[in-house]
Amino acid sequence: MKVLWLISDLPRAVVSARGGSSEEVKGSWIDGLAAAIARQKLEVEITVLCIVGNEFDITVSGVRYIGVACSRRGLCKAGKVRQGAERRIREKVLEIEPDVIHVH
């Protein structure tokens, strides 16, 4: 089963793998849940929405983390997802072809 998990904060695993500082970590619970899912032998695709220029594709402990550049001005405006961000998310969904999508 392929799971696509859309989140907005950089998990500790990503920050550490990219040589970042602990101040960048905002969603530390994400790491524990991703590890638990990976132990269930699911193919886990975690897409992290980030600022332009911060795209990445890394695998840490069997979990693939993909950074998707969206917009310099943030993901949303007035409660709506920006067009550029929506297009990039749609592209990743078509590329990954997940069985389940979880949007956090």
Protein backbone atom coordinates (compact mmCIF):
# COMPACT_ATOMS: atom_id res chain seq x y z
CA MET A 1 0.00 0.00 0.00
CA LYS A 2 1.30 3.41 -0.90
CA VAL A 3 0.48 6.29 1.44
CA LEU A 4 0.96 9.96 0.56
CA TRP A 5 1.02 12.19 3.61
CA LEU A 6 0.86 15.94 3.01
CA ILE A 7 2.31 17.94 5.90
CA SER A 8 3.57 21.48 6.26
CA ASP A 9 6.33 21.19 8.89
CA LEU A 10 9.79 19.74 8.46
CA PRO A 11 10.14 16.52 10.46
CA ARG A 12 13.24 16.00 12.64
CA ALA A 13 14.47 13.25 10.29
CA VAL A 14 14.52 15.69 7.34
CA VAL A 15 16.15 18.52 9.29
CA SER A 16 18.87 16.18 10.61
CA ALA A 17 19.52 14.57 7.21
CA ARG A 18 19.90 18.00 5.63
CA GLY A 19 22.26 19.27 8.36
CA GLY A 20 19.78 21.77 9.80
CA SER A 21 19.37 23.02 13.35
CA SER A 22 16.85 21.88 15.97
CA GLU A 23 15.10 25.29 15.74
CA GLU A 24 13.74 24.22 12.34
CA VAL A 25 11.86 21.21 13.79
CA LYS A 26 8.18 21.90 14.32
CA GLY A 27 6.46 18.53 13.93
CA SER A 28 8.49 16.10 16.02
CA TRP A 29 5.45 13.80 16.43
CA ILE A 30 5.65 13.21 12.67
CA ASP A 31 8.86 11.19 13.04
CA GLY A 32 7.35 8.74 15.50
CA LEU A 33 4.23 8.18 13.44
CA ALA A 34 6.21 7.78 10.20
CA ALA A 35 8.48 5.20 11.86
CA ALA A 36 5.48 3.27 13.20
CA ILE A 37 3.89 3.22 9.74
CA ALA A 38 7.17 2.10 8.14
CA ARG A 39 7.42 -0.79 10.63
CA GLN A 40 4.09 -2.03 9.28
CA LYS A 41 5.87 -2.61 5.93
CA LEU A 42 3.82 0.03 4.10
CA GLU A 43 5.44 2.05 1.38
CA VAL A 44 5.34 5.54 2.88
CA GLU A 45 5.59 8.70 0.81
CA ILE A 46 5.66 11.85 2.92
CA THR A 47 5.47 15.06 0.94
CA VAL A 48 6.58 18.13 2.88
CA LEU A 49 5.33 21.40 1.45
CA CYS A 50 8.07 24.01 1.64
CA ILE A 51 9.33 27.35 0.31
CA VAL A 52 10.73 27.73 -3.23
CA GLY A 53 14.33 26.55 -3.47
CA ASN A 54 14.02 23.94 -0.71
CA GLU A 55 13.02 20.93 -2.76
CA PHE A 56 14.49 17.60 -1.71
CA ASP A 57 13.93 13.88 -2.08
CA ILE A 58 15.55 11.82 0.67
CA THR A 59 14.89 8.49 2.37
CA VAL A 60 15.44 8.14 6.12
CA SER A 61 14.81 4.82 7.90
CA GLY A 62 12.74 3.49 5.02
CA VAL A 63 10.50 6.58 4.75
CA ARG A 64 10.76 8.79 1.67
CA TYR A 65 10.47 12.54 2.29
CA ILE A 66 9.83 14.81 -0.69
CA GLY A 67 9.99 18.59 -0.40
CA VAL A 68 7.71 20.39 -2.85
CA ALA A 69 8.37 24.06 -3.62
CA CYS A 70 5.11 25.97 -3.54
CA SER A 71 5.18 29.73 -3.08
CA ARG A 72 7.50 32.31 -1.57
CA ARG A 73 4.48 33.87 0.12
CA GLY A 74 3.26 30.70 1.81
CA LEU A 75 0.93 27.86 0.98
CA CYS A 76 -2.36 29.65 1.60
CA LYS A 77 -3.87 33.09 1.25
CA ALA A 78 -7.18 34.08 2.87
CA GLY A 79 -7.84 30.43 3.77
CA LYS A 80 -7.38 29.13 0.21
CA VAL A 81 -4.48 27.14 -1.21
CA ARG A 82 -2.48 29.20 -3.72
CA GLN A 83 -2.77 28.09 -7.36
CA GLY A 84 0.94 27.30 -7.70
CA ALA A 85 0.88 25.15 -4.59
CA GLU A 86 -2.26 23.33 -5.71
CA ARG A 87 -0.68 22.59 -9.10
CA ARG A 88 2.51 21.21 -7.49
CA ILE A 89 0.50 19.02 -5.10
CA ARG A 90 -1.58 17.70 -7.99
CA GLU A 91 1.62 16.89 -9.94
CA LYS A 92 3.01 14.91 -6.98
CA VAL A 93 -0.25 12.98 -6.52
CA LEU A 94 -0.19 11.99 -10.20
CA GLU A 95 3.51 11.07 -10.00
CA ILE A 96 3.28 9.02 -6.80
CA GLU A 97 -0.14 7.41 -7.48
CA PRO A 98 -0.92 6.70 -3.81
CA ASP A 99 -3.59 4.32 -2.50
CA VAL A 100 -4.30 6.62 0.44
CA ILE A 101 -3.79 10.37 0.85
CA HIS A 102 -3.71 11.97 4.30
CA VAL A 103 -3.69 15.76 4.43
CA HIS A 104 -2.60 17.20 7.76
